[in-house]
């Protein structure tokens, strides 16, 4: 420690968590001239930042918890062809979170959430370009359109609530006939009856390799990367003086907590009560596929995304509540495979890779970003549910601005770690 904590006057920062949020924060702090140490228990991109769908989803501003979800959820849970799953043994532990989560399925909360997420995501492709510029990671950033595919126009019209929110938030999109979709990408001919094209989005062509490349650049520019687990904090009053590992204590002037769904126990030590739960997500990858897509696409009927990555076709989606400890379920993998077989019956490939990871979900679908309520030299950035990759660079930029005393120029009150969610 260099002494008493003063915003903007400190030079040593420990960033806890080396997913996209932590690595982005470390890079922006390093570029501001600070001495930064990045620590992770498993290394960069070892969790959700590796296995996500790769979409730079600027328009992903409508939460899962929309009006009517409570009425639909029981039927979805009992239908193996729906993308919602539950480990029933986990239900007693889940109930306190679930009550608050479902209580947010109101028009007023959708309005609040979509406003906040628009501030975070609206320019996410540009944020990734700025973060990766001048680094080997730039090769993985592919700006472009993001498509939504529907069986027919009636299915699109049934999704009108979601598109009305996006339109209200200022997003541009183009409705597409089946012929329009085939003209955009011949690989989509005959796959969908109707669609939507959203410009100014994009794809990270290998999310895990991308974050690892950013972390390697951070180290090459003088940053310190450690592999260890943070177990708690030492503090004097409302100032944290050190972060404890299993064998040591690391001192710094400021600290950033960005460990995704694993942030919960450490966040509670910092006075944060925003409910946090794992939304388990799944992907299947088809290695050396015979089909390559020009743009990533959300298959609206199945609520999963398909994107062409480097040497494979990744299909990612599903929401499963089951906590952090249970093994992956077989049913979500089987559902994704059935859906892909129905959509791409002509797909040939060498082999399939399966993955399950943990999206960090807050009860109100808004990440916690900002100063910890009980420790004024600790900042947090976690709880990004489905949009961690998309929102990671801007979250890191905001946190770096806070720590260095620079103006953020955005009202971040909705993201406050001190809020009641």
Protein backbone atom coordinates (compact mmCIF):
# COMPACT_ATOMS: atom_id res chain seq x y z
CA UNK A 1 0.00 0.00 0.00
CA UNK A 2 1.17 3.50 -0.77
CA UNK A 3 -0.93 5.06 2.01
CA UNK A 4 -4.43 6.40 2.63
CA UNK A 5 -6.83 5.63 -0.20
CA UNK A 6 -7.78 8.61 -2.35
CA UNK A 7 -9.72 8.15 -5.59
CA UNK A 8 -7.52 8.87 -8.57
CA UNK A 9 -4.32 9.05 -6.50
CA UNK A 10 -3.43 5.36 -6.33
CA UNK A 11 -1.10 3.39 -8.53
CA UNK A 12 -1.26 -0.27 -7.49
CA UNK A 13 -4.38 -2.28 -8.33
CA UNK A 14 -5.20 -5.95 -7.85
CA UNK A 15 -7.83 -7.25 -10.28
CA UNK A 16 -9.42 -10.49 -9.07
CA UNK A 17 -10.75 -12.60 -11.94
CA UNK A 18 -9.31 -13.08 -15.43
CA UNK A 19 -12.41 -13.46 -17.52
CA UNK A 20 -13.33 -10.82 -20.07
CA UNK A 21 -14.38 -8.29 -17.40
CA UNK A 22 -11.23 -8.66 -15.31
CA UNK A 23 -8.85 -8.72 -18.26
CA UNK A 24 -10.56 -5.66 -19.79
CA UNK A 25 -10.29 -3.79 -16.48
CA UNK A 26 -6.62 -4.71 -16.11
CA UNK A 27 -5.82 -3.50 -19.62
CA UNK A 28 -7.62 -0.16 -19.26
CA UNK A 29 -5.94 0.44 -15.89
CA UNK A 30 -2.55 -0.46 -17.36
CA UNK A 31 -3.10 1.94 -20.24
CA UNK A 32 -3.90 4.65 -17.69
CA UNK A 33 -0.42 4.17 -16.24
CA UNK A 34 -1.21 2.12 -13.15
CA UNK A 35 0.70 -0.89 -11.85
CA UNK A 36 -1.73 -3.80 -12.16
CA UNK A 37 -1.74 -7.38 -10.93
CA UNK A 38 -4.32 -9.78 -12.36
CA UNK A 39 -5.12 -12.93 -10.39
CA UNK A 40 -7.34 -15.91 -11.18
CA UNK A 41 -7.66 -19.32 -9.56
CA UNK A 42 -7.52 -21.13 -12.92
CA UNK A 43 -6.01 -18.68 -15.38
CA UNK A 44 -7.47 -16.40 -18.09
CA UNK A 45 -10.74 -17.41 -19.79
CA UNK A 46 -11.06 -20.63 -17.79
CA UNK A 47 -14.83 -20.23 -17.23
CA UNK A 48 -17.76 -18.60 -18.99
CA UNK A 49 -15.46 -16.33 -21.01
CA UNK A 50 -14.32 -19.48 -22.84
CA UNK A 51 -17.64 -21.14 -23.58
CA UNK A 52 -20.10 -18.36 -24.39
CA UNK A 53 -21.78 -17.92 -27.76
CA UNK A 54 -19.27 -15.32 -28.92
CA UNK A 55 -21.92 -12.79 -29.96
CA UNK A 56 -21.29 -9.06 -29.62
CA UNK A 57 -24.95 -8.64 -28.77
CA UNK A 58 -25.61 -4.90 -28.63
CA UNK A 59 -29.37 -5.52 -28.81
CA UNK A 60 -29.46 -8.00 -25.89
CA UNK A 61 -31.14 -5.44 -23.66
CA UNK A 62 -34.37 -7.31 -22.88
CA UNK A 63 -34.09 -9.59 -19.82
CA UNK A 64 -35.32 -13.16 -19.61
CA UNK A 65 -37.78 -11.97 -16.95
CA UNK A 66 -40.47 -10.40 -19.13
CA UNK A 67 -44.17 -10.21 -18.20
CA UNK A 68 -45.83 -13.61 -18.50
CA UNK A 69 -42.73 -15.64 -17.64
CA UNK A 70 -44.20 -16.91 -14.36
CA UNK A 71 -47.21 -18.35 -16.17
CA UNK A 72 -45.09 -20.02 -18.84
CA UNK A 73 -42.24 -21.35 -16.71
CA UNK A 74 -43.94 -24.48 -15.24
CA UNK A 75 -44.90 -25.73 -18.70
CA UNK A 76 -41.44 -25.03 -20.04
CA UNK A 77 -39.82 -26.98 -17.21
CA UNK A 78 -41.99 -30.00 -17.95
CA UNK A 79 -41.31 -29.94 -21.71
CA UNK A 80 -37.97 -31.46 -22.76
CA UNK A 81 -38.10 -29.45 -26.00
CA UNK A 82 -38.04 -26.10 -24.17
CA UNK A 83 -34.74 -24.34 -23.28
CA UNK A 84 -35.45 -24.05 -19.54
CA UNK A 85 -34.20 -26.70 -17.12
CA UNK A 86 -34.02 -27.15 -13.36
CA UNK A 87 -32.09 -29.48 -11.10
CA UNK A 88 -35.08 -30.22 -8.86
CA UNK A 89 -32.92 -31.07 -5.85
CA UNK A 90 -31.56 -27.55 -6.02
CA UNK A 91 -35.00 -25.92 -5.83
CA UNK A 92 -35.07 -25.34 -2.03
CA UNK A 93 -31.78 -23.41 -2.23
CA UNK A 94 -32.93 -21.57 -5.36
CA UNK A 95 -36.31 -20.38 -4.04
CA UNK A 96 -35.18 -17.14 -2.30
CA UNK A 97 -33.43 -16.01 -5.48
CA UNK A 98 -36.24 -17.25 -7.71
CA UNK A 99 -38.88 -15.24 -5.85
CA UNK A 100 -36.95 -12.02 -6.37
CA UNK A 101 -36.00 -12.97 -9.94
CA UNK A 102 -39.60 -13.60 -10.99
CA UNK A 103 -40.82 -10.51 -9.13
CA UNK A 104 -38.84 -8.49 -11.67
CA UNK A 105 -40.93 -9.81 -14.60
CA UNK A 106 -42.83 -6.53 -14.93
CA UNK A 107 -43.07 -3.85 -17.59
CA UNK A 108 -41.51 -1.29 -15.24
CA UNK A 109 -38.50 -3.47 -14.50
CA UNK A 110 -38.01 -4.37 -18.17
CA UNK A 111 -37.96 -0.64 -18.90
CA UNK A 112 -35.36 -0.03 -16.17
CA UNK A 113 -33.20 -3.00 -17.17
CA UNK A 114 -33.29 -2.24 -20.89
CA UNK A 115 -32.22 1.37 -20.28
CA UNK A 116 -29.26 0.27 -18.19
CA UNK A 117 -28.19 -2.47 -20.58
CA UNK A 118 -28.41 -0.10 -23.56
CA UNK A 119 -25.87 2.15 -21.84
CA UNK A 120 -23.62 -0.88 -21.35
CA UNK A 121 -24.07 -2.66 -24.67
CA UNK A 122 -25.06 -0.11 -27.29
CA UNK A 123 -21.54 0.30 -28.71
CA UNK A 124 -20.10 -3.08 -27.68
CA UNK A 125 -18.51 -3.85 -31.06
CA UNK A 126 -16.64 -0.53 -30.98
CA UNK A 127 -15.61 -1.21 -27.37
CA UNK A 128 -14.05 -4.54 -28.36
CA UNK A 129 -12.28 -2.96 -31.31
CA UNK A 130 -10.82 -0.28 -29.01
CA UNK A 131 -9.79 -2.84 -26.38
CA UNK A 132 -8.09 -5.19 -28.83
CA UNK A 133 -6.55 -2.58 -31.14
CA UNK A 134 -2.82 -3.05 -31.50
CA UNK A 135 -2.85 -6.50 -29.88
CA UNK A 136 -2.90 -10.02 -31.37
CA UNK A 137 -6.44 -10.33 -29.98
CA UNK A 138 -7.74 -7.98 -32.68
CA UNK A 139 -7.71 -10.90 -35.14
CA UNK A 140 -10.60 -12.50 -33.26
CA UNK A 141 -12.96 -9.49 -33.47
CA UNK A 142 -15.35 -9.70 -36.44
CA UNK A 143 -17.82 -6.79 -36.58
CA UNK A 144 -20.96 -7.34 -38.61
CA UNK A 145 -24.61 -8.22 -38.47
CA UNK A 146 -26.43 -10.43 -35.99
CA UNK A 147 -29.45 -12.29 -37.35
CA UNK A 148 -32.60 -13.67 -35.76
CA UNK A 149 -34.30 -16.56 -37.53
CA UNK A 150 -38.03 -17.37 -37.20
CA UNK A 151 -40.17 -20.14 -38.67
CA UNK A 152 -42.50 -17.52 -40.19
CA UNK A 153 -43.69 -13.93 -39.81
CA UNK A 154 -46.32 -14.96 -37.29
CA UNK A 155 -43.57 -16.19 -34.98
CA UNK A 156 -41.78 -12.86 -35.39
CA UNK A 157 -45.00 -10.98 -34.64
CA UNK A 158 -45.45 -13.08 -31.50
CA UNK A 159 -42.07 -11.72 -30.36
CA UNK A 160 -43.34 -8.16 -30.81
CA UNK A 161 -42.87 -7.17 -27.15
CA UNK A 162 -39.10 -7.79 -27.33
CA UNK A 163 -38.68 -5.93 -30.62
CA UNK A 164 -40.78 -3.00 -29.40
CA UNK A 165 -38.37 -2.57 -26.47
CA UNK A 166 -35.37 -2.67 -28.81
CA UNK A 167 -37.00 -0.15 -31.11
CA UNK A 168 -37.74 2.09 -28.12
CA UNK A 169 -34.09 1.93 -27.07
CA UNK A 170 -33.05 3.17 -30.53
CA UNK A 171 -31.80 -0.04 -32.15
CA UNK A 172 -31.99 -0.35 -35.93
CA UNK A 173 -33.04 -3.62 -37.49
CA UNK A 174 -34.32 -4.91 -40.82
CA UNK A 175 -37.04 -7.50 -41.23
CA UNK A 176 -36.14 -10.20 -43.74
CA UNK A 177 -38.13 -12.61 -45.86
CA UNK A 178 -36.85 -16.12 -46.51
CA UNK A 179 -35.44 -14.85 -49.82
CA UNK A 180 -33.72 -11.96 -48.04
CA UNK A 181 -32.04 -14.39 -45.67
CA UNK A 182 -30.84 -16.59 -48.50
CA UNK A 183 -29.51 -13.52 -50.33
CA UNK A 184 -27.63 -12.46 -47.21
CA UNK A 185 -26.14 -15.93 -46.78
CA UNK A 186 -26.78 -18.86 -49.14
CA UNK A 187 -26.11 -21.22 -46.22
CA UNK A 188 -29.45 -20.03 -44.75
CA UNK A 189 -31.53 -20.88 -47.83
CA UNK A 190 -34.58 -22.87 -46.78
CA UNK A 191 -33.75 -22.74 -43.07
CA UNK A 192 -36.11 -19.97 -41.92
CA UNK A 193 -39.35 -18.43 -43.12
CA UNK A 194 -38.65 -14.98 -41.69
CA UNK A 195 -35.84 -13.12 -39.98
CA UNK A 196 -34.30 -9.94 -38.66
CA UNK A 197 -30.91 -8.40 -39.38
CA UNK A 198 -29.33 -6.24 -36.67
CA UNK A 199 -26.33 -4.23 -37.92
CA UNK A 200 -23.43 -2.98 -35.77
CA UNK A 201 -23.04 -6.21 -33.85
CA UNK A 202 -20.44 -8.91 -34.43
CA UNK A 203 -18.75 -12.11 -33.32
CA UNK A 204 -15.63 -13.08 -31.40
CA UNK A 205 -14.39 -16.01 -33.46
CA UNK A 206 -12.80 -17.80 -30.50
CA UNK A 207 -13.79 -16.27 -27.13
CA UNK A 208 -11.34 -18.28 -25.06
CA UNK A 209 -8.36 -17.61 -27.31
CA UNK A 210 -9.38 -13.94 -27.53
CA UNK A 211 -9.34 -13.37 -23.77
CA UNK A 212 -6.09 -15.34 -23.44
CA UNK A 213 -4.52 -13.15 -26.13
CA UNK A 214 -5.62 -9.99 -24.31
CA UNK A 215 -4.16 -11.34 -21.06
CA UNK A 216 -0.89 -12.23 -22.79
CA UNK A 217 -0.68 -8.69 -24.15
CA UNK A 218 -1.28 -7.32 -20.64
CA UNK A 219 1.67 -9.38 -19.38
CA UNK A 220 3.87 -8.42 -22.33
CA UNK A 221 3.26 -4.76 -21.49
CA UNK A 222 4.48 -5.26 -17.92
CA UNK A 223 1.41 -6.52 -16.08
CA UNK A 224 1.62 -9.28 -13.49
CA UNK A 225 -0.53 -12.39 -13.85
CA UNK A 226 -0.91 -14.78 -10.90
CA UNK A 227 -2.72 -18.09 -10.57
CA UNK A 228 -4.18 -18.36 -7.08
CA UNK A 229 -7.48 -18.12 -5.22
CA UNK A 230 -8.56 -15.13 -3.17
CA UNK A 231 -10.26 -16.27 0.06
CA UNK A 232 -10.92 -12.99 1.87
CA UNK A 233 -9.78 -9.47 2.67
CA UNK A 234 -7.80 -7.69 5.36
CA UNK A 235 -9.17 -4.29 6.19
CA UNK A 236 -8.85 -1.25 8.37
CA UNK A 237 -12.23 0.39 8.74
CA UNK A 238 -13.69 0.85 5.25
CA UNK A 239 -10.31 0.40 3.53
CA UNK A 240 -9.16 -3.01 2.31
CA UNK A 241 -5.42 -3.34 2.87
CA UNK A 242 -4.87 -6.77 1.35
CA UNK A 243 -6.47 -9.72 -0.39
CA UNK A 244 -5.76 -13.09 1.20
CA UNK A 245 -4.85 -16.14 -0.85
CA UNK A 246 -4.40 -19.62 0.58
CA UNK A 247 -0.72 -18.92 1.21
CA UNK A 248 -0.17 -15.15 1.14
CA UNK A 249 -1.69 -11.68 1.35
CA UNK A 250 -1.48 -9.32 -1.63
CA UNK A 251 -1.43 -5.60 -0.85
CA UNK A 252 -2.64 -2.88 -3.19
CA UNK A 253 -4.12 0.59 -3.19
CA UNK A 254 -7.31 -0.50 -4.97
CA UNK A 255 -8.99 -3.81 -5.70
CA UNK A 256 -11.41 -5.01 -8.37
CA UNK A 257 -13.64 -8.05 -7.89
CA UNK A 258 -14.62 -9.58 -11.25
CA UNK A 259 -15.03 -13.30 -10.67
CA UNK A 260 -18.45 -13.78 -12.24
CA UNK A 261 -20.81 -16.07 -10.38
CA UNK A 262 -18.02 -16.92 -7.92
CA UNK A 263 -18.08 -13.30 -6.68
CA UNK A 264 -20.91 -13.94 -4.23
CA UNK A 265 -19.06 -14.89 -1.05
CA UNK A 266 -16.37 -12.21 -1.46
CA UNK A 267 -19.02 -9.61 -2.35
CA UNK A 268 -20.86 -10.30 0.90
CA UNK A 269 -17.68 -9.43 2.79
CA UNK A 270 -17.83 -6.06 1.03
CA UNK A 271 -21.40 -5.29 2.10
CA UNK A 272 -23.06 -6.26 -1.19
CA UNK A 273 -26.47 -7.94 -0.97
CA UNK A 274 -27.47 -8.05 -4.66
CA UNK A 275 -28.75 -11.65 -5.15
CA UNK A 276 -26.54 -13.74 -7.42
CA UNK A 277 -27.19 -17.17 -8.93
CA UNK A 278 -25.77 -19.41 -11.64
CA UNK A 279 -27.69 -19.62 -14.91
CA UNK A 280 -26.03 -22.71 -16.28
CA UNK A 281 -25.47 -22.45 -20.03
CA UNK A 282 -24.53 -25.15 -22.55
CA UNK A 283 -22.84 -25.35 -25.90
CA UNK A 284 -22.13 -28.00 -28.48
CA UNK A 285 -19.45 -27.45 -31.10
CA UNK A 286 -19.28 -29.22 -34.43
CA UNK A 287 -15.61 -29.49 -35.37
CA UNK A 288 -14.58 -29.00 -39.02
CA UNK A 289 -18.19 -28.38 -40.12
CA UNK A 290 -19.43 -28.48 -43.70
CA UNK A 291 -21.47 -25.29 -43.14
CA UNK A 292 -20.00 -21.85 -42.50
CA UNK A 293 -22.27 -18.93 -41.64
CA UNK A 294 -21.62 -15.38 -42.75
CA UNK A 295 -23.28 -13.95 -39.62
CA UNK A 296 -24.16 -15.46 -36.25
CA UNK A 297 -27.84 -16.16 -35.81
CA UNK A 298 -30.26 -16.52 -32.94
CA UNK A 299 -32.62 -19.42 -33.61
CA UNK A 300 -35.65 -17.82 -32.03
CA UNK A 301 -37.74 -20.97 -31.72
CA UNK A 302 -35.04 -22.69 -29.67
CA UNK A 303 -33.49 -19.64 -27.98
CA UNK A 304 -29.97 -20.65 -28.96
CA UNK A 305 -27.30 -18.98 -31.07
CA UNK A 306 -25.24 -20.46 -33.88
CA UNK A 307 -21.95 -18.93 -34.96
CA UNK A 308 -19.06 -19.99 -37.15
CA UNK A 309 -15.87 -19.88 -35.13
CA UNK A 310 -12.38 -20.91 -36.09
CA UNK A 311 -12.70 -24.48 -37.32
CA UNK A 312 -16.04 -25.18 -35.72
CA UNK A 313 -19.71 -24.29 -35.55
CA UNK A 314 -20.71 -23.36 -31.99
CA UNK A 315 -24.34 -23.68 -30.88
CA UNK A 316 -24.95 -22.17 -27.44
CA UNK A 317 -27.94 -21.52 -25.26
CA UNK A 318 -30.29 -23.03 -22.66
CA UNK A 319 -31.02 -21.78 -19.14
CA UNK A 320 -30.62 -24.30 -16.34
CA UNK A 321 -30.83 -23.56 -12.63
CA UNK A 322 -28.84 -26.08 -10.67
CA UNK A 323 -26.11 -24.30 -8.74
CA UNK A 324 -22.36 -24.41 -9.05
CA UNK A 325 -21.58 -27.93 -7.90
CA UNK A 326 -23.80 -30.33 -9.86
CA UNK A 327 -22.45 -32.08 -12.95
CA UNK A 328 -23.77 -31.08 -16.40
CA UNK A 329 -27.18 -32.48 -17.31
CA UNK A 330 -27.61 -34.69 -20.35
CA UNK A 331 -30.97 -33.23 -21.45
CA UNK A 332 -29.71 -29.74 -22.50
CA UNK A 333 -27.00 -31.23 -24.69
CA UNK A 334 -29.54 -33.58 -26.28
CA UNK A 335 -31.95 -30.71 -26.89
CA UNK A 336 -29.30 -28.61 -28.64
CA UNK A 337 -28.29 -31.55 -30.81
CA UNK A 338 -31.92 -32.24 -31.82
CA UNK A 339 -32.46 -28.59 -32.68
CA UNK A 340 -29.29 -28.40 -34.75
CA UNK A 341 -30.17 -31.63 -36.59
CA UNK A 342 -33.59 -30.22 -37.44
CA UNK A 343 -32.17 -26.91 -38.68
CA UNK A 344 -29.07 -28.29 -40.42
CA UNK A 345 -29.90 -31.86 -41.53
CA UNK A 346 -27.12 -31.60 -44.13
CA UNK A 347 -24.41 -30.70 -41.61
CA UNK A 348 -21.31 -32.90 -41.70
CA UNK A 349 -18.50 -32.64 -39.15
CA UNK A 350 -15.61 -34.55 -37.61
CA UNK A 351 -16.70 -34.65 -33.97
CA UNK A 352 -18.69 -32.84 -31.29
CA UNK A 353 -17.39 -30.97 -28.23
CA UNK A 354 -19.75 -30.37 -25.30
CA UNK A 355 -19.41 -27.69 -22.60
CA UNK A 356 -21.38 -26.35 -19.64
CA UNK A 357 -20.62 -23.13 -17.79
CA UNK A 358 -22.06 -20.69 -15.28
CA UNK A 359 -23.57 -17.35 -16.24
CA UNK A 360 -23.65 -14.95 -13.25
CA UNK A 361 -27.28 -13.83 -12.93
CA UNK A 362 -28.53 -11.07 -10.67
CA UNK A 363 -32.18 -10.97 -9.63
CA UNK A 364 -32.86 -7.81 -11.68
CA UNK A 365 -30.71 -8.83 -14.70
CA UNK A 366 -28.41 -5.82 -14.25
CA UNK A 367 -24.71 -6.32 -13.43
CA UNK A 368 -23.18 -4.91 -10.26
CA UNK A 369 -20.63 -2.33 -11.38
CA UNK A 370 -19.05 0.22 -9.09
CA UNK A 371 -17.70 0.90 -5.61
CA UNK A 372 -18.41 -1.64 -2.88
CA UNK A 373 -20.69 -0.18 -0.19
CA UNK A 374 -18.53 -1.30 2.75
CA UNK A 375 -15.05 -0.88 1.25
CA UNK A 376 -14.37 2.34 -0.61
CA UNK A 377 -11.20 1.15 -2.34
CA UNK A 378 -12.83 -1.97 -3.76
CA UNK A 379 -14.76 -1.95 -7.04
CA UNK A 380 -16.81 -4.77 -8.49
CA UNK A 381 -17.86 -5.82 -11.97
CA UNK A 382 -19.89 -9.03 -12.16
CA UNK A 383 -23.43 -10.34 -12.71
CA UNK A 384 -23.57 -9.97 -16.51
CA UNK A 385 -25.81 -13.05 -17.04
CA UNK A 386 -25.99 -13.58 -20.86
CA UNK A 387 -24.03 -10.50 -21.89
CA UNK A 388 -20.63 -10.80 -20.17
CA UNK A 389 -18.59 -10.97 -23.37
CA UNK A 390 -20.54 -8.13 -24.94
CA UNK A 391 -20.35 -5.89 -21.88
CA UNK A 392 -16.90 -6.80 -20.58
CA UNK A 393 -14.80 -4.11 -22.30
CA UNK A 394 -17.10 -1.24 -21.32
CA UNK A 395 -17.40 -2.53 -17.76
CA UNK A 396 -13.60 -2.55 -17.58
CA UNK A 397 -13.41 0.96 -19.03
CA UNK A 398 -15.95 2.28 -16.50
CA UNK A 399 -14.13 0.66 -13.57
CA UNK A 400 -10.77 2.03 -14.72
CA UNK A 401 -12.29 5.51 -14.99
CA UNK A 402 -13.69 5.27 -11.46
CA UNK A 403 -10.38 4.11 -9.99
CA UNK A 404 -8.33 6.76 -11.77
CA UNK A 405 -10.79 9.54 -10.95
CA UNK A 406 -11.85 10.15 -14.54
CA UNK A 407 -15.46 11.14 -15.38
CA UNK A 408 -17.61 8.23 -16.53
CA UNK A 409 -20.24 10.43 -18.25
CA UNK A 410 -22.95 7.81 -17.74
CA UNK A 411 -25.47 7.52 -14.92
CA UNK A 412 -24.45 4.20 -13.34
CA UNK A 413 -26.96 4.27 -10.47
CA UNK A 414 -28.86 1.27 -11.90
CA UNK A 415 -25.64 -0.79 -11.65
CA UNK A 416 -24.89 0.22 -8.06
CA UNK A 417 -23.57 -2.68 -5.94
CA UNK A 418 -25.42 -1.06 -3.02
CA UNK A 419 -28.86 -1.37 -4.65
CA UNK A 420 -31.69 -3.63 -3.60
CA UNK A 421 -32.32 -5.92 -6.58
